[in-house]
Amino acid sequence: MFVDTGLAGAGVKLTEPVIKAAVGIPVVTPANTGPVVATPPVGAIVPVAPTVGVVQPVAPPPTVLSYMMQQAIQPVLVNGEVMVGAVLPPAVPVYPIPQSPYLYSYVNGQRVLVEPTARQIVYVAR
């Protein structure tokens, strides 16, 4: 941004923090944000290794689905979308399913089947 100093077309370049400080807007500089990573332009095709973030959805047997849907448990609200591959935060309670290697939870109004080691959602009951 250039501000006219009144000297026949000469201007002074002001940076955004200087302008904000001049008008009384507090300037906050985030700390410990890590390195700046450039993002590709919108529409660019970015190669991704085929195994990165890939989660195989599970087709649970009817007995597991029935058990998951019939249990009365407290729902939990979290930020983010409930989808296969999402990892549940440690604060989200998960519950065992008899005779199943998976756990389940009730997140954002959705019953989910969870892989216990990574706490990753492998099935969303819709």
N, C-alpha and C. Protein backbone atom coordinates (compact mmCIF):
# COMPACT_ATOMS: atom_id res chain seq x y z
N MET A 1 0.85 -1.17 0.00
CA MET A 1 0.00 0.00 0.00
C MET A 1 0.89 1.23 0.00
N PHE A 2 0.56 2.19 -0.84
CA PHE A 2 1.31 3.44 -0.90
C PHE A 2 0.45 4.54 -0.33
N VAL A 3 1.06 5.40 0.43
CA VAL A 3 0.38 6.56 0.99
C VAL A 3 1.00 7.79 0.36
N ASP A 4 0.16 8.65 -0.18
CA ASP A 4 0.65 9.87 -0.84
C ASP A 4 1.16 10.83 0.23
N THR A 5 2.41 11.23 0.06
CA THR A 5 3.01 12.16 1.02
C THR A 5 2.80 13.62 0.60
N GLY A 6 2.20 13.82 -0.59
CA GLY A 6 1.98 15.17 -1.08
C GLY A 6 3.17 15.75 -1.80
N LEU A 7 4.18 14.93 -2.05
CA LEU A 7 5.39 15.41 -2.71
C LEU A 7 5.39 14.97 -4.18
N ALA A 8 4.64 15.60 -5.00
CA ALA A 8 4.60 15.42 -6.45
C ALA A 8 4.76 13.97 -6.88
N GLY A 9 3.88 13.10 -6.44
CA GLY A 9 3.87 11.72 -6.90
C GLY A 9 4.74 10.78 -6.10
N ALA A 10 5.56 11.29 -5.19
CA ALA A 10 6.39 10.39 -4.38
C ALA A 10 5.50 9.77 -3.32
N GLY A 11 5.66 8.51 -3.08
CA GLY A 11 4.84 7.83 -2.08
C GLY A 11 5.72 7.09 -1.09
N VAL A 12 5.17 6.75 0.03
CA VAL A 12 5.87 5.97 1.03
C VAL A 12 5.17 4.62 1.12
N LYS A 13 5.94 3.57 1.00
CA LYS A 13 5.35 2.23 1.07
C LYS A 13 5.21 1.83 2.54
N LEU A 14 3.99 1.49 2.92
CA LEU A 14 3.73 1.05 4.29
C LEU A 14 3.33 -0.42 4.25
N THR A 15 3.81 -1.16 5.19
CA THR A 15 3.43 -2.57 5.28
C THR A 15 2.14 -2.69 6.08
N GLU A 16 1.47 -3.81 5.92
CA GLU A 16 0.18 -4.00 6.59
C GLU A 16 0.29 -3.88 8.11
N PRO A 17 1.30 -4.50 8.79
CA PRO A 17 1.38 -4.33 10.25
C PRO A 17 1.55 -2.88 10.68
N VAL A 18 2.32 -2.09 9.87
CA VAL A 18 2.52 -0.69 10.22
C VAL A 18 1.19 0.06 10.14
N ILE A 19 0.40 -0.21 9.10
CA ILE A 19 -0.90 0.45 8.93
C ILE A 19 -1.83 0.07 10.08
N LYS A 20 -1.87 -1.23 10.40
CA LYS A 20 -2.76 -1.68 11.48
C LYS A 20 -2.36 -1.06 12.80
N ALA A 21 -1.06 -0.97 13.06
CA ALA A 21 -0.59 -0.37 14.31
C ALA A 21 -0.93 1.11 14.35
N ALA A 22 -0.86 1.78 13.20
CA ALA A 22 -1.13 3.20 13.14
C ALA A 22 -2.59 3.52 13.45
N VAL A 23 -3.50 2.61 13.11
CA VAL A 23 -4.92 2.87 13.38
C VAL A 23 -5.40 2.17 14.64
N GLY A 24 -4.48 1.57 15.40
CA GLY A 24 -4.85 0.99 16.68
C GLY A 24 -5.33 -0.45 16.62
N ILE A 25 -5.09 -1.15 15.52
CA ILE A 25 -5.49 -2.56 15.43
C ILE A 25 -4.33 -3.39 15.96
N PRO A 26 -4.57 -4.23 16.96
CA PRO A 26 -3.47 -5.04 17.49
C PRO A 26 -2.96 -6.03 16.43
N VAL A 27 -1.65 -6.18 16.35
CA VAL A 27 -1.04 -7.11 15.41
C VAL A 27 -0.52 -8.29 16.20
N VAL A 28 -0.99 -9.48 15.86
CA VAL A 28 -0.58 -10.69 16.55
C VAL A 28 0.27 -11.51 15.60
N THR A 29 1.43 -11.89 16.05
CA THR A 29 2.31 -12.74 15.25
C THR A 29 2.32 -14.11 15.90
N PRO A 30 1.86 -15.15 15.17
CA PRO A 30 1.83 -16.49 15.77
C PRO A 30 3.24 -16.99 16.07
N ALA A 31 3.36 -17.69 17.18
CA ALA A 31 4.65 -18.25 17.57
C ALA A 31 4.63 -19.76 17.37
N ASN A 32 5.77 -20.32 17.10
CA ASN A 32 5.92 -21.77 16.97
C ASN A 32 4.97 -22.37 15.94
N THR A 33 4.86 -21.74 14.80
CA THR A 33 3.97 -22.26 13.77
C THR A 33 4.68 -23.21 12.82
N GLY A 34 5.97 -23.39 12.97
CA GLY A 34 6.70 -24.31 12.11
C GLY A 34 7.08 -23.65 10.80
N PRO A 35 7.71 -24.44 9.94
CA PRO A 35 8.16 -23.88 8.67
C PRO A 35 6.99 -23.58 7.75
N VAL A 36 7.20 -22.61 6.88
CA VAL A 36 6.19 -22.26 5.90
C VAL A 36 6.30 -23.26 4.75
N VAL A 37 5.17 -23.86 4.39
CA VAL A 37 5.15 -24.84 3.32
C VAL A 37 4.33 -24.27 2.18
N ALA A 38 4.92 -24.22 1.01
CA ALA A 38 4.21 -23.70 -0.16
C ALA A 38 3.17 -24.71 -0.60
N THR A 39 2.01 -24.23 -0.96
CA THR A 39 0.95 -25.11 -1.46
C THR A 39 0.86 -24.96 -2.96
N PRO A 40 0.50 -26.03 -3.64
CA PRO A 40 0.40 -25.94 -5.10
C PRO A 40 -0.76 -25.05 -5.49
N PRO A 41 -0.73 -24.49 -6.69
CA PRO A 41 -1.84 -23.65 -7.14
C PRO A 41 -3.13 -24.46 -7.23
N VAL A 42 -4.25 -23.78 -7.11
CA VAL A 42 -5.54 -24.44 -7.20
C VAL A 42 -5.66 -25.13 -8.55
N GLY A 43 -6.09 -26.38 -8.52
CA GLY A 43 -6.26 -27.14 -9.76
C GLY A 43 -5.04 -27.93 -10.16
N ALA A 44 -3.92 -27.76 -9.44
CA ALA A 44 -2.71 -28.50 -9.78
C ALA A 44 -2.86 -29.95 -9.35
N ILE A 45 -2.31 -30.85 -10.12
CA ILE A 45 -2.33 -32.26 -9.78
C ILE A 45 -1.08 -32.57 -8.97
N VAL A 46 -1.29 -33.07 -7.77
CA VAL A 46 -0.18 -33.36 -6.87
C VAL A 46 -0.10 -34.86 -6.67
N PRO A 47 1.05 -35.48 -6.98
CA PRO A 47 1.16 -36.92 -6.79
C PRO A 47 1.19 -37.27 -5.31
N VAL A 48 0.51 -38.34 -4.95
CA VAL A 48 0.48 -38.83 -3.58
C VAL A 48 0.78 -40.31 -3.63
N ALA A 49 1.65 -40.75 -2.75
CA ALA A 49 1.96 -42.17 -2.68
C ALA A 49 0.69 -42.95 -2.40
N PRO A 50 0.47 -44.09 -3.05
CA PRO A 50 -0.79 -44.81 -2.92
C PRO A 50 -1.11 -45.31 -1.52
N THR A 51 -0.11 -45.46 -0.65
CA THR A 51 -0.40 -45.98 0.68
C THR A 51 -0.57 -44.89 1.72
N VAL A 52 -0.33 -43.64 1.37
CA VAL A 52 -0.42 -42.56 2.34
C VAL A 52 -1.88 -42.26 2.65
N GLY A 53 -2.27 -42.42 3.90
CA GLY A 53 -3.61 -42.06 4.33
C GLY A 53 -4.73 -42.96 3.80
N VAL A 54 -4.39 -44.07 3.16
CA VAL A 54 -5.43 -44.93 2.62
C VAL A 54 -5.91 -45.86 3.73
N VAL A 55 -7.20 -45.86 3.95
CA VAL A 55 -7.80 -46.72 4.95
C VAL A 55 -8.82 -47.60 4.25
N GLN A 56 -8.67 -48.87 4.45
CA GLN A 56 -9.64 -49.79 3.86
C GLN A 56 -10.90 -49.78 4.71
N PRO A 57 -12.03 -49.40 4.11
CA PRO A 57 -13.27 -49.45 4.88
C PRO A 57 -13.62 -50.90 5.20
N VAL A 58 -14.30 -51.09 6.28
CA VAL A 58 -14.68 -52.42 6.74
C VAL A 58 -16.18 -52.60 6.51
N ALA A 59 -16.56 -53.78 6.09
CA ALA A 59 -17.98 -54.13 5.98
C ALA A 59 -18.31 -55.00 7.19
N PRO A 60 -18.79 -54.37 8.27
CA PRO A 60 -19.02 -55.14 9.50
C PRO A 60 -20.18 -56.13 9.33
N PRO A 61 -20.10 -57.26 10.01
CA PRO A 61 -21.21 -58.22 9.95
C PRO A 61 -22.46 -57.63 10.60
N PRO A 62 -23.63 -58.14 10.24
CA PRO A 62 -24.89 -57.62 10.80
C PRO A 62 -24.94 -57.64 12.32
N THR A 63 -24.31 -58.63 12.95
CA THR A 63 -24.34 -58.69 14.43
C THR A 63 -23.60 -57.50 15.04
N VAL A 64 -22.49 -57.10 14.42
CA VAL A 64 -21.72 -55.95 14.91
C VAL A 64 -22.52 -54.67 14.72
N LEU A 65 -23.12 -54.51 13.54
CA LEU A 65 -23.94 -53.33 13.28
C LEU A 65 -25.11 -53.24 14.25
N SER A 66 -25.76 -54.35 14.46
CA SER A 66 -26.91 -54.39 15.37
C SER A 66 -26.49 -53.99 16.78
N TYR A 67 -25.39 -54.55 17.25
CA TYR A 67 -24.91 -54.23 18.59
C TYR A 67 -24.57 -52.74 18.70
N MET A 68 -23.84 -52.24 17.71
CA MET A 68 -23.42 -50.84 17.68
C MET A 68 -24.62 -49.88 17.73
N MET A 69 -25.67 -50.22 16.99
CA MET A 69 -26.83 -49.33 16.87
C MET A 69 -27.75 -49.39 18.09
N GLN A 70 -27.75 -50.51 18.81
CA GLN A 70 -28.69 -50.69 19.92
C GLN A 70 -28.18 -50.19 21.26
N GLN A 71 -26.90 -49.96 21.37
CA GLN A 71 -26.34 -49.55 22.65
C GLN A 71 -26.64 -48.08 22.93
N ALA A 72 -27.01 -47.80 24.17
CA ALA A 72 -27.27 -46.42 24.59
C ALA A 72 -25.97 -45.85 25.16
N ILE A 73 -25.33 -45.00 24.36
CA ILE A 73 -24.09 -44.36 24.81
C ILE A 73 -24.21 -42.86 24.61
N GLN A 74 -23.39 -42.14 25.32
CA GLN A 74 -23.41 -40.68 25.25
C GLN A 74 -22.79 -40.20 23.94
N PRO A 75 -23.48 -39.34 23.18
CA PRO A 75 -22.87 -38.81 21.96
C PRO A 75 -21.77 -37.80 22.29
N VAL A 76 -20.81 -37.71 21.40
CA VAL A 76 -19.69 -36.79 21.56
C VAL A 76 -19.63 -35.89 20.34
N LEU A 77 -19.38 -34.60 20.55
CA LEU A 77 -19.22 -33.66 19.44
C LEU A 77 -17.74 -33.32 19.30
N VAL A 78 -17.24 -33.43 18.07
CA VAL A 78 -15.85 -33.06 17.79
C VAL A 78 -15.81 -32.16 16.56
N ASN A 79 -14.75 -31.40 16.42
CA ASN A 79 -14.54 -30.59 15.22
C ASN A 79 -14.10 -31.50 14.10
N GLY A 80 -14.59 -31.26 12.92
CA GLY A 80 -14.18 -32.05 11.77
C GLY A 80 -15.30 -32.96 11.31
N GLU A 81 -15.06 -33.56 10.16
CA GLU A 81 -16.05 -34.43 9.54
C GLU A 81 -15.85 -35.86 9.99
N VAL A 82 -16.96 -36.56 10.21
CA VAL A 82 -16.91 -37.97 10.56
C VAL A 82 -16.87 -38.75 9.25
N MET A 83 -15.71 -39.39 8.99
CA MET A 83 -15.56 -40.15 7.75
C MET A 83 -14.52 -41.24 7.94
N VAL A 84 -14.56 -42.21 7.04
CA VAL A 84 -13.60 -43.30 7.09
C VAL A 84 -12.21 -42.71 6.92
N GLY A 85 -11.31 -43.11 7.81
CA GLY A 85 -9.93 -42.63 7.79
C GLY A 85 -9.64 -41.57 8.83
N ALA A 86 -10.67 -40.90 9.35
CA ALA A 86 -10.47 -39.88 10.38
C ALA A 86 -10.01 -40.56 11.67
N VAL A 87 -9.15 -39.89 12.41
CA VAL A 87 -8.64 -40.42 13.67
C VAL A 87 -9.36 -39.72 14.81
N LEU A 88 -9.88 -40.51 15.74
CA LEU A 88 -10.59 -39.94 16.89
C LEU A 88 -9.59 -39.44 17.93
N PRO A 89 -9.83 -38.25 18.47
CA PRO A 89 -8.95 -37.74 19.53
C PRO A 89 -9.01 -38.66 20.76
N PRO A 90 -7.96 -38.64 21.58
CA PRO A 90 -7.94 -39.50 22.77
C PRO A 90 -9.09 -39.24 23.73
N ALA A 91 -9.66 -38.04 23.74
CA ALA A 91 -10.75 -37.71 24.66
C ALA A 91 -12.08 -38.35 24.26
N VAL A 92 -12.20 -38.83 23.04
CA VAL A 92 -13.46 -39.44 22.58
C VAL A 92 -13.53 -40.86 23.12
N PRO A 93 -14.57 -41.17 23.89
CA PRO A 93 -14.68 -42.53 24.42
C PRO A 93 -15.03 -43.54 23.32
N VAL A 94 -14.39 -44.70 23.39
CA VAL A 94 -14.69 -45.80 22.48
C VAL A 94 -15.06 -47.01 23.33
N TYR A 95 -15.90 -47.87 22.78
CA TYR A 95 -16.45 -48.98 23.53
C TYR A 95 -16.20 -50.29 22.80
N PRO A 96 -15.96 -51.36 23.56
CA PRO A 96 -15.71 -52.66 22.91
C PRO A 96 -16.98 -53.27 22.35
N ILE A 97 -16.81 -54.11 21.35
CA ILE A 97 -17.91 -54.87 20.77
C ILE A 97 -17.59 -56.34 21.04
N PRO A 98 -18.51 -57.07 21.69
CA PRO A 98 -18.23 -58.47 22.00
C PRO A 98 -17.88 -59.26 20.73
N GLN A 99 -16.84 -60.07 20.84
CA GLN A 99 -16.39 -60.95 19.76
C GLN A 99 -16.06 -60.20 18.47
N SER A 100 -15.51 -59.00 18.60
CA SER A 100 -15.10 -58.22 17.44
C SER A 100 -13.76 -57.55 17.76
N PRO A 101 -12.88 -57.44 16.78
CA PRO A 101 -11.61 -56.76 17.04
C PRO A 101 -11.75 -55.24 17.05
N TYR A 102 -12.93 -54.72 16.74
CA TYR A 102 -13.13 -53.28 16.62
C TYR A 102 -13.83 -52.71 17.84
N LEU A 103 -13.74 -51.38 17.95
CA LEU A 103 -14.45 -50.62 18.97
C LEU A 103 -15.49 -49.78 18.25
N TYR A 104 -16.36 -49.11 19.01
CA TYR A 104 -17.34 -48.22 18.39
C TYR A 104 -17.51 -46.98 19.24
N SER A 105 -18.07 -45.94 18.61
CA SER A 105 -18.34 -44.70 19.30
C SER A 105 -19.51 -44.01 18.62
N TYR A 106 -19.99 -42.92 19.24
CA TYR A 106 -21.11 -42.15 18.71
C TYR A 106 -20.62 -40.71 18.59
N VAL A 107 -20.19 -40.31 17.38
CA VAL A 107 -19.53 -39.03 17.17
C VAL A 107 -20.34 -38.17 16.20
N ASN A 108 -20.64 -36.95 16.62
CA ASN A 108 -21.37 -35.98 15.77
C ASN A 108 -22.63 -36.59 15.17
N GLY A 109 -23.35 -37.37 15.96
CA GLY A 109 -24.61 -37.96 15.51
C GLY A 109 -24.44 -39.18 14.62
N GLN A 110 -23.24 -39.71 14.52
CA GLN A 110 -22.96 -40.88 13.67
C GLN A 110 -22.34 -41.99 14.52
N ARG A 111 -22.85 -43.20 14.35
CA ARG A 111 -22.22 -44.36 14.98
C ARG A 111 -21.06 -44.77 14.09
N VAL A 112 -19.88 -44.99 14.70
CA VAL A 112 -18.70 -45.33 13.92
C VAL A 112 -18.00 -46.55 14.48
N LEU A 113 -17.42 -47.32 13.58
CA LEU A 113 -16.60 -48.47 13.93
C LEU A 113 -15.15 -48.00 13.88
N VAL A 114 -14.38 -48.35 14.92
CA VAL A 114 -13.05 -47.79 15.09
C VAL A 114 -12.01 -48.90 15.20
N GLU A 115 -10.90 -48.73 14.48
CA GLU A 115 -9.76 -49.63 14.62
C GLU A 115 -9.06 -49.22 15.91
N PRO A 116 -8.89 -50.13 16.88
CA PRO A 116 -8.45 -49.73 18.22
C PRO A 116 -7.01 -49.20 18.33
N THR A 117 -6.08 -49.71 17.55
CA THR A 117 -4.69 -49.29 17.70
C THR A 117 -4.48 -47.84 17.27
N ALA A 118 -4.96 -47.49 16.09
CA ALA A 118 -4.77 -46.13 15.56
C ALA A 118 -5.95 -45.22 15.88
N ARG A 119 -7.03 -45.77 16.45
CA ARG A 119 -8.27 -45.03 16.73
C ARG A 119 -8.83 -44.39 15.45
N GLN A 120 -8.67 -45.11 14.37
CA GLN A 120 -9.10 -44.63 13.06
C GLN A 120 -10.48 -45.21 12.72
N ILE A 121 -11.35 -44.35 12.17
CA ILE A 121 -12.69 -44.78 11.78
C ILE A 121 -12.57 -45.65 10.53
N VAL A 122 -13.19 -46.85 10.60
CA VAL A 122 -13.16 -47.77 9.46
C VAL A 122 -14.55 -47.99 8.87
N TYR A 123 -15.59 -47.50 9.57
CA TYR A 123 -16.96 -47.65 9.05
C TYR A 123 -17.82 -46.59 9.72
N VAL A 124 -18.69 -45.95 8.94
CA VAL A 124 -19.66 -44.98 9.46
C VAL A 124 -21.05 -45.52 9.16
N ALA A 125 -21.84 -45.73 10.19
CA ALA A 125 -23.22 -46.22 10.00
C ALA A 125 -24.09 -45.03 9.64
N ARG A 126 -24.67 -45.08 8.45
CA ARG A 126 -25.51 -43.97 7.99
C ARG A 126 -26.92 -44.45 7.75
